Amino acid sequence: MAQHTSHAQHERSAWSGKLAFILAGAASAVGLGNLWRFPTLAAKYGGGMFILTYFILAFTFGISLLLLETALGRRTKQSVIGAYSTFNKKWKFVGILATAVPFIITPYYCIIGGWVTKYLVSYVAEGADAVAAEGFFGGFITDPIFTYVFMVIFMLLCIGVCALGVKNGIEKANMVMMPLLLVMAVGISIFVLMQPGALEGAAYYLVPDFSKFSPDLVINALGQMFYSLSLAMGIMVTYGSYLDKKENLSESVASIAGFDLVVSFLAGLMIVPAAFMALGLGEGGTMAAGPSLMFVTLPTVFDGMGGAAQIIGIVFFVLVLFAAATSAISLIEACTSIIQDGTHWSRGKSLFAFSVFLIAAGAFINAGYNVLIWIEPLGPGTQLLDFFDFLSNSVMMPIVALLTCIFVGWIIKPKEIINEVRVSSKFKLAGPWTVMIKYIAPVLVIAILVANVLPMIFPA
């Protein structure tokens, strides 16, 4: 057994260094949620008040779980099932549950990645007017052919990066896409802030409205931070397993959380002032959430920017494509690693097997918008994508996080993780971290779970 483990560790992929790991972790964390959920929540919950609450939660609760998962991966040199089994075979079921999360998320995430790809192509080929036209989004997602075509194009792009390996594929892609994503976000933010009336929108976004502080705000900030940092998906366990023992874990996870916060903040700076001008948020207007914001509201806002509309649309959707692709790549990598560790197949064979599953599952979920549109799993107007999103994000991820806190806090004891972190850093905050994992984090995760599930059981 020991010989086999040693061999597996010897053959395991590895990051070239701390920067590669930080960019990979940040690339995983920075996704569509940063761009369409964070700005909406900030606009709804008093701008700066929401940002401040999010910041505090990210650098206490969020960073604690991020450190736990990364250290668990580095300690065991295994993806998520193996990481739990190494310590206690009776808790392997948590690893299996965590494994199911990226297998559920990746297909529907790639469907949305296909939408982003379609919009980028349309801005280039057809112009801003066509994309902003009424019915453009609905017409596309119900199309029985082109939605599948663009989904597969996006999937193949991401699979291609993973096929090149950790160092030659994922690392190199992140080294290009993440800095460019930041530059584009800053550039669009500056352009938006130069528009007439935008500074008033920026003040609405940045100045804390303390009257908006409420338990509801805290729960929403908690949920956003939880999903944004790629927690309870098996991704950070996998990425941690590729990390060298000499790299400082606590500094690395702080950098990942910081990068994620910066992109979320810039997303708000791009979107809230623009929507403020177009929708009159200060006069009680509301901003659409999720896909409606990204694919309906913003193209309309861009179309009102005159001659710059097409350029802004192209740059914005390149940025969104990078955010979607980097997250999808991390999901595909986590699933490939799980298959490889479980079957002892080659990396190539494991990636191919997952790719077949991905395209088949994606085609099934995508059919919920066209040939299977009659299936409404969560009530009238809902699709298969909504169901799988609710199952993975709102139910399974909080349960996995809760069980992980119990596992580390009470079964194997926090000392196991603390010792791993101290291999490469002093970890002076080991005491507060232990309190967070054993007592505070479980309560917060239960709050997220209850807030997600109760409205489904007792709809308003």
Protein backbone atom coordinates (compact mmCIF):
# COMPACT_ATOMS: atom_id res chain seq x y z
CA MET A 1 0.00 0.00 0.00
CA ALA A 2 2.74 2.45 0.98
CA GLN A 3 4.60 1.64 -2.21
CA HIS A 4 1.54 2.38 -4.32
CA THR A 5 0.93 5.71 -2.54
CA SER A 6 4.53 6.71 -3.01
CA HIS A 7 4.30 5.92 -6.70
CA ALA A 8 1.07 7.92 -7.02
CA GLN A 9 2.70 10.88 -5.34
CA HIS A 10 5.78 10.61 -7.53
CA GLU A 11 3.63 10.66 -10.68
CA ARG A 12 1.33 13.45 -9.48
CA SER A 13 1.16 16.76 -11.34
CA ALA A 14 2.64 19.80 -9.60
CA TRP A 15 2.57 23.59 -9.81
CA SER A 16 5.81 25.28 -10.83
CA GLY A 17 5.58 27.58 -7.79
CA LYS A 18 3.46 29.68 -5.44
CA LEU A 19 2.44 32.24 -8.08
CA ALA A 20 1.12 29.49 -10.35
CA PHE A 21 -0.94 28.08 -7.46
CA ILE A 22 -2.29 31.51 -6.46
CA LEU A 23 -3.31 32.33 -10.04
CA ALA A 24 -4.92 28.90 -10.42
CA GLY A 25 -6.82 29.29 -7.14
CA ALA A 26 -7.85 32.82 -8.09
CA ALA A 27 -8.87 31.64 -11.57
CA SER A 28 -11.07 29.00 -9.97
CA ALA A 29 -12.59 31.51 -7.54
CA VAL A 30 -13.19 34.24 -10.13
CA GLY A 31 -16.19 33.16 -12.16
CA LEU A 32 -19.59 34.22 -13.40
CA GLY A 33 -20.87 34.70 -9.83
CA ASN A 34 -18.40 37.56 -9.34
CA LEU A 35 -19.73 39.27 -12.44
CA TRP A 36 -23.48 38.83 -12.16
CA ARG A 37 -24.29 38.07 -8.50
CA PHE A 38 -21.93 40.31 -6.52
CA PRO A 39 -22.97 43.60 -8.26
CA THR A 40 -26.66 42.72 -7.89
CA LEU A 41 -26.32 42.00 -4.18
CA ALA A 42 -24.20 45.11 -3.62
CA ALA A 43 -26.84 47.26 -5.37
CA LYS A 44 -29.61 45.67 -3.31
CA TYR A 45 -27.90 45.82 0.10
CA GLY A 46 -26.55 49.32 0.41
CA GLY A 47 -23.42 49.26 -1.75
CA GLY A 48 -20.44 49.81 0.53
CA MET A 49 -22.28 48.16 3.44
CA PHE A 50 -22.45 44.90 1.50
CA ILE A 51 -18.81 45.21 0.34
CA LEU A 52 -17.62 45.78 3.92
CA THR A 53 -19.59 42.80 5.25
CA TYR A 54 -18.35 40.61 2.40
CA PHE A 55 -14.74 41.64 3.08
CA ILE A 56 -14.97 40.74 6.78
CA LEU A 57 -16.57 37.35 6.07
CA ALA A 58 -14.13 36.50 3.26
CA PHE A 59 -11.10 37.11 5.44
CA THR A 60 -12.43 35.19 8.46
CA PHE A 61 -14.84 32.41 7.52
CA GLY A 62 -13.87 32.14 3.84
CA ILE A 63 -10.12 32.09 4.25
CA SER A 64 -10.40 29.55 7.10
CA LEU A 65 -12.21 27.01 4.90
CA LEU A 66 -9.92 27.80 1.95
CA LEU A 67 -6.88 27.04 4.11
CA LEU A 68 -8.46 23.85 5.43
CA GLU A 69 -9.21 22.42 1.97
CA THR A 70 -5.83 23.39 0.48
CA ALA A 71 -3.89 21.96 3.43
CA LEU A 72 -5.95 18.75 3.30
CA GLY A 73 -4.97 18.29 -0.35
CA ARG A 74 -1.30 19.07 0.22
CA ARG A 75 -1.12 16.83 3.28
CA THR A 76 -2.55 13.78 1.47
CA LYS A 77 -1.45 14.47 -2.14
CA GLN A 78 -4.90 13.18 -3.12
CA SER A 79 -8.06 14.57 -4.66
CA VAL A 80 -11.08 14.81 -2.43
CA ILE A 81 -12.15 11.13 -1.98
CA GLY A 82 -8.59 10.00 -1.29
CA ALA A 83 -8.01 12.93 1.07
CA TYR A 84 -10.83 11.85 3.38
CA SER A 85 -10.06 8.13 3.08
CA THR A 86 -6.42 8.70 4.02
CA PHE A 87 -7.46 9.90 7.46
CA ASN A 88 -10.60 7.86 8.11
CA LYS A 89 -12.22 5.38 5.73
CA LYS A 90 -15.59 5.77 7.50
CA TRP A 91 -15.65 9.39 6.31
CA LYS A 92 -15.00 8.52 2.68
CA PHE A 93 -18.69 9.26 2.01
CA VAL A 94 -18.01 13.00 2.51
CA GLY A 95 -15.36 12.81 -0.20
CA ILE A 96 -17.85 11.06 -2.48
CA LEU A 97 -20.48 13.74 -1.74
CA ALA A 98 -17.92 16.48 -2.42
CA THR A 99 -16.95 14.70 -5.65
CA ALA A 100 -20.53 14.81 -6.90
CA VAL A 101 -20.56 18.64 -6.69
CA PRO A 102 -18.15 19.45 -9.57
CA PHE A 103 -19.63 16.60 -11.64
CA ILE A 104 -23.05 18.31 -11.33
CA ILE A 105 -21.83 21.91 -11.74
CA THR A 106 -19.45 21.56 -14.69
CA PRO A 107 -22.03 20.59 -17.37
CA TYR A 108 -24.42 23.46 -16.65
CA TYR A 109 -21.56 25.93 -16.09
CA CYS A 110 -20.31 25.07 -19.58
CA ILE A 111 -23.79 25.71 -21.01
CA ILE A 112 -23.59 29.27 -19.65
CA GLY A 113 -20.01 29.44 -21.00
CA GLY A 114 -21.55 28.63 -24.39
CA TRP A 115 -23.92 31.58 -24.01
CA VAL A 116 -20.94 33.87 -23.29
CA THR A 117 -19.13 32.52 -26.36
CA LYS A 118 -22.21 33.17 -28.52
CA TYR A 119 -22.47 36.77 -27.25
CA LEU A 120 -18.81 37.47 -27.95
CA VAL A 121 -19.13 36.10 -31.49
CA SER A 122 -22.34 38.09 -32.01
CA TYR A 123 -20.76 41.36 -30.85
CA VAL A 124 -17.91 40.81 -33.31
CA ALA A 125 -20.05 39.63 -36.25
CA GLU A 126 -23.38 41.41 -35.81
CA GLY A 127 -22.74 44.48 -33.66
CA ALA A 128 -24.24 45.93 -30.48
CA ASP A 129 -27.69 46.69 -31.93
CA ALA A 130 -28.35 43.06 -32.84
CA VAL A 131 -27.27 41.75 -29.42
CA ALA A 132 -29.39 44.35 -27.58
CA ALA A 133 -32.47 43.58 -29.69
CA GLU A 134 -35.52 42.39 -27.78
CA GLY A 135 -35.80 38.60 -27.72
CA PHE A 136 -32.17 37.98 -28.71
CA PHE A 137 -31.30 36.04 -25.54
CA GLY A 138 -34.54 34.06 -25.37
CA GLY A 139 -34.33 33.23 -29.05
CA PHE A 140 -30.81 31.89 -28.66
CA ILE A 141 -31.18 29.74 -25.53
CA THR A 142 -34.29 28.03 -26.94
CA ASP A 143 -32.59 27.32 -30.27
CA PRO A 144 -32.42 23.51 -30.69
CA ILE A 145 -29.11 23.60 -32.58
CA PHE A 146 -26.86 26.58 -31.88
CA THR A 147 -27.04 26.39 -28.08
CA TYR A 148 -25.49 22.92 -28.33
CA VAL A 149 -22.89 24.10 -30.86
CA PHE A 150 -21.66 26.95 -28.66
CA MET A 151 -21.77 24.76 -25.53
CA VAL A 152 -19.49 22.20 -27.20
CA ILE A 153 -17.14 24.92 -28.52
CA PHE A 154 -16.72 26.28 -24.98
CA MET A 155 -16.25 22.76 -23.55
CA LEU A 156 -13.60 21.86 -26.13
CA LEU A 157 -11.66 25.07 -25.43
CA CYS A 158 -11.50 24.25 -21.72
CA ILE A 159 -10.82 20.53 -22.25
CA GLY A 160 -8.00 21.50 -24.63
CA VAL A 161 -6.29 23.57 -21.93
CA CYS A 162 -6.59 20.69 -19.42
CA ALA A 163 -5.26 18.24 -22.02
CA LEU A 164 -1.99 20.19 -22.13
CA GLY A 165 -1.43 19.38 -18.45
CA VAL A 166 -1.10 21.34 -15.22
CA LYS A 167 2.10 23.23 -16.09
CA ASN A 168 1.80 23.55 -19.88
CA GLY A 169 -1.98 24.02 -19.98
CA ILE A 170 -3.66 25.34 -16.84
CA GLU A 171 -0.70 27.38 -15.56
CA LYS A 172 0.06 29.03 -18.88
CA ALA A 173 -3.61 29.80 -19.58
CA ASN A 174 -4.01 31.39 -16.14
CA MET A 175 -0.79 33.40 -16.54
CA VAL A 176 -2.34 35.02 -19.62
CA MET A 177 -6.05 35.18 -18.78
CA MET A 178 -5.97 36.36 -15.15
CA PRO A 179 -3.78 39.48 -15.65
CA LEU A 180 -5.71 40.35 -18.85
CA LEU A 181 -9.01 39.91 -16.99
CA LEU A 182 -7.84 42.42 -14.36
CA VAL A 183 -6.63 44.92 -16.98
CA MET A 184 -9.93 44.71 -18.89
CA ALA A 185 -11.97 45.08 -15.69
CA VAL A 186 -10.02 48.20 -14.72
CA GLY A 187 -10.31 49.59 -18.28
CA ILE A 188 -14.09 49.09 -18.51
CA SER A 189 -14.56 50.52 -14.99
CA ILE A 190 -12.67 53.69 -15.96
CA PHE A 191 -14.66 54.03 -19.19
CA VAL A 192 -17.99 53.58 -17.37
CA LEU A 193 -17.03 56.10 -14.67
CA MET A 194 -16.30 58.69 -17.38
CA GLN A 195 -19.90 58.51 -18.64
CA PRO A 196 -22.37 61.27 -17.67
CA GLY A 197 -24.05 60.51 -14.34
CA ALA A 198 -21.79 57.57 -13.57
CA LEU A 199 -20.09 59.14 -10.53
CA GLU A 200 -23.46 59.35 -8.80
CA GLY A 201 -23.85 55.62 -9.49
CA ALA A 202 -20.34 54.98 -8.14
CA ALA A 203 -21.24 56.82 -4.92
CA TYR A 204 -24.37 54.66 -4.64
CA TYR A 205 -22.14 51.58 -4.98
CA LEU A 206 -19.25 52.65 -2.74
CA VAL A 207 -20.74 54.66 0.13
CA PRO A 208 -22.02 52.36 2.91
CA ASP A 209 -25.72 52.71 3.69
CA PHE A 210 -25.77 51.48 7.29
CA SER A 211 -29.57 51.44 7.34
CA LYS A 212 -29.42 48.48 4.92
CA PHE A 213 -27.51 46.30 7.41
CA SER A 214 -29.63 43.27 8.32
CA PRO A 215 -29.41 39.51 8.94
CA ASP A 216 -30.55 39.09 5.33
CA LEU A 217 -27.53 41.09 4.12
CA VAL A 218 -25.16 38.93 6.20
CA ILE A 219 -26.70 35.69 4.91
CA ASN A 220 -26.46 36.85 1.28
CA ALA A 221 -22.86 38.08 1.71
CA LEU A 222 -22.03 34.76 3.37
CA GLY A 223 -23.60 32.76 0.56
CA GLN A 224 -21.90 34.82 -2.17
CA MET A 225 -18.49 34.49 -0.50
CA PHE A 226 -18.98 30.76 0.02
CA TYR A 227 -19.74 30.05 -3.66
CA SER A 228 -17.25 32.59 -4.99
CA LEU A 229 -14.21 31.05 -3.28
CA SER A 230 -14.81 27.58 -4.81
CA LEU A 231 -15.38 26.03 -1.39
CA ALA A 232 -16.79 22.50 -0.93
CA MET A 233 -16.32 21.57 -4.61
CA GLY A 234 -13.17 19.47 -4.25
CA ILE A 235 -11.27 21.99 -6.40
CA MET A 236 -9.04 23.48 -3.70
CA VAL A 237 -8.29 20.02 -2.27
CA THR A 238 -7.13 18.97 -5.75
CA TYR A 239 -5.15 22.17 -6.34
CA GLY A 240 -3.58 21.87 -2.87
CA SER A 241 -2.45 18.33 -3.72
CA TYR A 242 -0.31 19.77 -6.55
CA LEU A 243 1.41 22.27 -4.22
CA ASP A 244 4.98 21.88 -3.00
CA LYS A 245 5.58 21.59 0.76
CA LYS A 246 7.85 24.63 0.78
CA GLU A 247 5.18 27.07 -0.42
CA ASN A 248 3.56 29.26 2.25
CA LEU A 249 -0.05 28.09 2.49
CA SER A 250 -1.51 30.87 4.62
CA GLU A 251 -0.06 33.62 2.40
CA SER A 252 -1.24 31.82 -0.74
CA VAL A 253 -4.87 31.43 0.35
CA ALA A 254 -4.95 35.07 1.53
CA SER A 255 -3.78 36.11 -1.95
CA ILE A 256 -6.49 33.99 -3.59
CA ALA A 257 -9.21 35.54 -1.40
CA GLY A 258 -7.79 39.01 -2.09
CA PHE A 259 -7.77 38.47 -5.87
CA ASP A 260 -11.36 37.23 -5.76
CA LEU A 261 -12.45 40.28 -3.74
CA VAL A 262 -10.71 42.71 -6.14
CA VAL A 263 -12.43 41.21 -9.19
CA SER A 264 -15.82 41.22 -7.42
CA PHE A 265 -15.29 44.86 -6.44
CA LEU A 266 -14.31 45.82 -10.02
CA ALA A 267 -17.32 43.93 -11.39
CA GLY A 268 -19.54 46.13 -9.24
CA LEU A 269 -17.66 49.23 -10.39
CA MET A 270 -18.23 48.21 -14.03
CA ILE A 271 -21.86 47.24 -13.70
CA VAL A 272 -23.59 49.20 -10.90
CA PRO A 273 -22.86 52.75 -12.17
CA ALA A 274 -23.81 51.69 -15.71
CA ALA A 275 -27.04 50.14 -14.51
CA PHE A 276 -27.62 53.15 -12.23
CA MET A 277 -27.61 55.44 -15.24
CA ALA A 278 -29.83 53.17 -17.32
CA LEU A 279 -32.26 51.92 -14.67
CA GLY A 280 -32.39 54.73 -12.13
CA LEU A 281 -31.40 52.57 -9.15
CA GLY A 282 -31.22 55.60 -6.88
CA GLU A 283 -34.91 56.29 -7.53
CA GLY A 284 -35.98 52.87 -6.35
CA GLY A 285 -35.25 50.99 -9.57
CA THR A 286 -34.05 47.41 -9.31
CA MET A 287 -31.24 45.62 -11.09
CA ALA A 288 -31.84 42.24 -12.72
CA ALA A 289 -29.93 39.31 -11.29
CA GLY A 290 -27.99 36.46 -12.88
CA PRO A 291 -28.34 35.73 -16.60
CA SER A 292 -30.85 38.57 -17.11
CA LEU A 293 -28.27 41.10 -15.92
CA MET A 294 -25.48 39.68 -18.06
CA PHE A 295 -27.35 38.84 -21.24
CA VAL A 296 -30.29 41.29 -21.35
CA THR A 297 -29.69 44.38 -19.18
CA LEU A 298 -26.00 45.01 -19.91
CA PRO A 299 -26.23 44.69 -23.72
CA THR A 300 -29.04 47.29 -23.55
CA VAL A 301 -26.85 49.55 -21.39
CA PHE A 302 -23.89 49.12 -23.77
CA ASP A 303 -26.11 49.86 -26.77
CA GLY A 304 -26.80 53.26 -25.27
CA MET A 305 -23.10 54.13 -25.31
CA GLY A 306 -23.12 55.18 -28.96
CA GLY A 307 -20.08 54.48 -31.11
CA ALA A 308 -18.24 52.71 -28.28
CA ALA A 309 -21.02 50.13 -27.80
CA GLN A 310 -19.54 47.37 -29.96
CA ILE A 311 -16.00 47.75 -28.58
CA ILE A 312 -17.25 47.80 -24.97
CA GLY A 313 -19.42 44.74 -25.67
CA ILE A 314 -16.51 42.83 -27.20
CA VAL A 315 -14.07 43.69 -24.38
CA PHE A 316 -16.66 42.94 -21.69
CA PHE A 317 -17.55 39.53 -23.11
CA VAL A 318 -13.87 38.62 -23.61
CA LEU A 319 -13.50 39.38 -19.88
CA VAL A 320 -16.58 37.28 -19.06
CA LEU A 321 -15.31 34.45 -21.30
CA PHE A 322 -11.98 34.43 -19.42
CA ALA A 323 -13.79 34.35 -16.06
CA ALA A 324 -16.06 31.52 -17.21
CA ALA A 325 -13.23 29.55 -18.83
CA THR A 326 -10.82 29.74 -15.86
CA SER A 327 -13.53 28.44 -13.51
CA ALA A 328 -14.62 25.71 -15.95
CA ILE A 329 -11.01 24.60 -16.38
CA SER A 330 -10.62 24.22 -12.61
CA LEU A 331 -13.85 22.20 -12.42
CA ILE A 332 -12.75 19.93 -15.29
CA GLU A 333 -9.34 19.48 -13.66
CA ALA A 334 -10.91 18.54 -10.30
CA CYS A 335 -13.14 15.92 -11.97
CA THR A 336 -10.25 14.53 -14.05
CA SER A 337 -8.07 14.22 -10.93
CA ILE A 338 -10.88 12.45 -9.05
CA ILE A 339 -11.27 9.91 -11.89
CA GLN A 340 -7.50 9.44 -12.15
CA ASP A 341 -7.07 8.84 -8.42
CA GLY A 342 -10.05 6.48 -8.27
CA THR A 343 -9.24 4.36 -11.32
CA HIS A 344 -5.43 4.77 -11.58
CA TRP A 345 -5.94 5.49 -15.28
CA SER A 346 -3.60 7.83 -17.14
CA ARG A 347 -4.41 11.54 -17.04
CA GLY A 348 -5.34 11.47 -20.74
CA LYS A 349 -7.75 8.55 -20.37
CA SER A 350 -9.34 10.14 -17.28
CA LEU A 351 -9.83 13.45 -19.09
CA PHE A 352 -11.34 11.71 -22.11
CA ALA A 353 -13.80 9.76 -19.90
CA PHE A 354 -14.88 12.95 -18.16
CA SER A 355 -15.18 14.79 -21.49
CA VAL A 356 -17.66 12.18 -22.77
CA PHE A 357 -19.69 12.54 -19.57
CA LEU A 358 -19.49 16.34 -19.75
CA ILE A 359 -20.85 16.61 -23.29
CA ALA A 360 -23.63 14.07 -22.64
CA ALA A 361 -24.71 15.67 -19.33
CA GLY A 362 -24.47 19.15 -20.85
CA ALA A 363 -26.68 18.13 -23.77
CA PHE A 364 -29.29 16.72 -21.37
CA ILE A 365 -29.39 19.83 -19.14
CA ASN A 366 -29.37 22.15 -22.16
CA ALA A 367 -32.40 20.32 -23.53
CA GLY A 368 -34.32 21.88 -20.62
CA TYR A 369 -34.39 25.11 -22.67
CA ASN A 370 -35.72 23.53 -25.85
CA VAL A 371 -36.83 19.92 -26.40
CA LEU A 372 -37.38 19.25 -22.67
CA ILE A 373 -38.72 22.71 -21.83
CA TRP A 374 -41.92 21.09 -20.50
CA ILE A 375 -39.94 19.79 -17.48
CA GLU A 376 -40.23 22.42 -14.70
CA PRO A 377 -38.48 20.78 -11.72
CA LEU A 378 -38.69 23.70 -9.28
CA GLY A 379 -42.05 25.06 -10.36
CA PRO A 380 -43.44 27.04 -13.31
CA GLY A 381 -40.80 28.77 -15.43
CA THR A 382 -37.84 26.75 -14.10
CA GLN A 383 -35.51 24.59 -16.17
CA LEU A 384 -33.24 21.62 -15.58
CA LEU A 385 -30.30 24.03 -15.18
CA ASP A 386 -32.09 25.75 -12.27
CA PHE A 387 -32.63 22.38 -10.56
CA PHE A 388 -29.00 21.24 -10.83
CA ASP A 389 -27.79 24.68 -9.75
CA PHE A 390 -30.04 24.57 -6.67
CA LEU A 391 -29.04 20.98 -5.83
CA SER A 392 -25.29 21.59 -6.06
CA ASN A 393 -24.93 25.17 -4.82
CA SER A 394 -27.74 25.53 -2.32
CA VAL A 395 -27.94 22.02 -0.83
CA MET A 396 -24.87 19.86 -1.43
CA MET A 397 -22.09 22.44 -1.02
CA PRO A 398 -23.22 23.67 2.43
CA ILE A 399 -23.68 20.03 3.57
CA VAL A 400 -20.16 19.14 2.36
CA ALA A 401 -18.70 22.21 4.10
CA LEU A 402 -20.52 21.36 7.34
CA LEU A 403 -19.32 17.75 7.29
CA THR A 404 -15.79 18.91 6.46
CA CYS A 405 -15.74 21.22 9.50
CA ILE A 406 -16.99 18.36 11.70
CA PHE A 407 -14.43 15.98 10.17
CA VAL A 408 -11.44 18.27 10.72
CA GLY A 409 -12.68 19.95 13.91
CA TRP A 410 -13.86 16.89 15.81
CA ILE A 411 -12.76 13.64 14.10
CA ILE A 412 -9.15 14.01 12.92
CA LYS A 413 -8.64 17.17 15.07
CA PRO A 414 -7.40 20.57 13.80
CA LYS A 415 -3.80 19.73 14.79
CA GLU A 416 -3.45 17.61 11.61
CA ILE A 417 -4.14 20.64 9.40
CA ILE A 418 -2.21 23.07 11.63
CA ASN A 419 0.91 20.87 11.39
CA GLU A 420 0.60 20.83 7.59
CA VAL A 421 0.32 24.62 7.40
CA ARG A 422 3.32 24.95 9.75
CA VAL A 423 5.49 22.95 7.36
CA SER A 424 5.88 26.19 5.39
CA SER A 425 4.79 29.03 7.73
CA LYS A 426 4.50 29.92 11.42
CA PHE A 427 0.69 30.09 11.35
CA LYS A 428 0.32 32.39 14.34
CA LEU A 429 -3.47 32.41 13.97
CA ALA A 430 -3.82 28.65 14.56
CA GLY A 431 -5.87 29.29 17.73
CA PRO A 432 -8.53 31.54 16.15
CA TRP A 433 -8.58 29.27 13.08
CA THR A 434 -9.38 26.27 15.29
CA VAL A 435 -12.25 28.14 16.97
CA MET A 436 -13.58 29.12 13.54
CA ILE A 437 -13.52 25.56 12.16
CA LYS A 438 -14.88 23.84 15.29
CA TYR A 439 -17.55 26.28 16.41
CA ILE A 440 -18.25 29.33 14.21
CA ALA A 441 -18.04 27.95 10.63
CA PRO A 442 -20.53 25.10 11.24
CA VAL A 443 -23.13 27.60 12.54
CA LEU A 444 -22.57 29.91 9.54
CA VAL A 445 -22.82 27.03 7.06
CA ILE A 446 -26.06 25.83 8.68
CA ALA A 447 -27.39 29.40 8.31
CA ILE A 448 -26.57 29.32 4.57
CA LEU A 449 -28.26 25.91 4.19
CA VAL A 450 -31.41 26.96 6.04
CA ALA A 451 -31.62 30.26 4.13
CA ASN A 452 -31.34 28.35 0.83
CA VAL A 453 -33.71 25.48 1.54
CA LEU A 454 -36.49 27.08 3.63
CA PRO A 455 -37.86 29.25 0.76
CA MET A 456 -38.16 26.10 -1.37
CA ILE A 457 -40.13 24.26 1.36
CA PHE A 458 -42.23 27.28 2.38
CA PRO A 459 -42.48 29.56 -0.67
CA ALA A 460 -43.64 33.09 0.01
